[in-house]
Protein backbone atom coordinates (compact mmCIF):
# COMPACT_ATOMS: atom_id res chain seq x y z
CA UNK A 1 -4.41 16.28 3.64
CA UNK A 2 -3.32 12.71 3.14
CA UNK A 3 -2.74 10.47 5.25
CA UNK A 4 1.15 11.55 4.89
CA UNK A 5 0.28 14.53 5.54
CA UNK A 6 -1.56 13.65 8.58
CA UNK A 7 2.10 11.96 9.93
CA UNK A 8 4.31 14.66 8.53
CA UNK A 9 1.59 17.78 10.32
CA UNK A 10 1.41 15.87 13.84
CA UNK A 11 5.17 15.21 14.46
CA UNK A 12 6.50 18.03 13.49
CA UNK A 13 3.66 20.14 15.90
CA UNK A 14 5.54 18.61 19.34
CA UNK A 15 8.00 20.26 21.13
CA UNK A 16 11.31 18.13 20.71
CA UNK A 17 11.14 17.30 17.23
CA UNK A 18 13.13 19.00 15.04
CA UNK A 19 11.14 18.76 12.10
CA UNK A 20 8.88 15.86 9.60
CA UNK A 21 8.88 15.12 6.69
CA UNK A 22 7.80 12.93 3.44
CA UNK A 23 10.20 10.59 2.04
CA UNK A 24 10.28 7.88 -0.70
CA UNK A 25 7.89 10.40 -2.91
CA UNK A 26 5.83 8.67 -0.59
CA UNK A 27 4.94 5.28 -2.43
CA UNK A 28 5.43 3.22 0.64
CA UNK A 29 3.97 6.60 2.95
CA UNK A 30 6.72 7.20 5.00
CA UNK A 31 7.88 9.62 6.25
CA UNK A 32 10.71 11.05 9.01
CA UNK A 33 11.02 13.10 12.27
CA UNK A 34 14.63 13.32 14.08
CA UNK A 35 14.20 13.98 17.34
CA UNK A 36 15.09 14.96 21.05
CA UNK A 37 16.20 11.34 22.45
CA UNK A 38 14.49 12.20 25.73
CA UNK A 39 11.06 13.28 23.93
CA UNK A 40 11.17 10.21 21.83
CA UNK A 41 9.45 7.35 23.32
CA UNK A 42 6.56 10.44 24.39
CA UNK A 43 6.19 11.72 21.15
CA UNK A 44 5.90 8.40 18.96
CA UNK A 45 3.04 7.64 21.77
CA UNK A 46 1.06 10.41 21.11
CA UNK A 47 1.61 10.77 17.29
CA UNK A 48 0.51 6.83 16.80
CA UNK A 49 -2.33 8.28 19.05
CA UNK A 50 -3.24 11.04 17.64
CA UNK A 51 -3.27 9.91 13.97
CA UNK A 52 -5.10 6.87 14.84
CA UNK A 53 -7.91 9.54 15.80
CA UNK A 54 -7.92 11.15 12.49
CA UNK A 55 -7.28 8.36 9.94
CA UNK A 56 -8.74 5.11 11.94
CA UNK A 57 -5.55 3.61 11.01
CA UNK A 58 -2.97 2.23 12.90
CA UNK A 59 0.49 3.45 12.51
CA UNK A 60 4.46 1.41 12.06
CA UNK A 61 6.66 3.91 13.91
CA UNK A 62 10.68 2.90 14.25
CA UNK A 63 12.78 4.33 15.99
CA UNK A 64 16.45 4.87 14.96
CA UNK A 65 19.35 6.67 15.49
CA UNK A 66 21.80 7.83 12.83
CA UNK A 67 24.71 7.32 11.85
CA UNK A 68 28.30 8.29 10.56
CA UNK A 69 26.98 6.01 7.27
CA UNK A 70 29.99 2.86 5.98
CA UNK A 71 33.03 2.79 7.25
CA UNK A 72 35.72 -0.64 6.28
CA UNK A 73 36.46 -1.96 9.76
């Protein structure tokens, strides 16, 4: 498994994660995992810890919210 596969597998295995996948063709090493808001901090903390244990690398995790997209004000 590549490091990105490990990240996706870890995130996708958690209860409260609605799915996980690589984004951007892997060039930037990014994955996205929509999660239940009430579990976001718990899932991110667990994934970061498990990823570092599995790879020896400290991941950067970002939390964001979905939006309706762009609009004219």
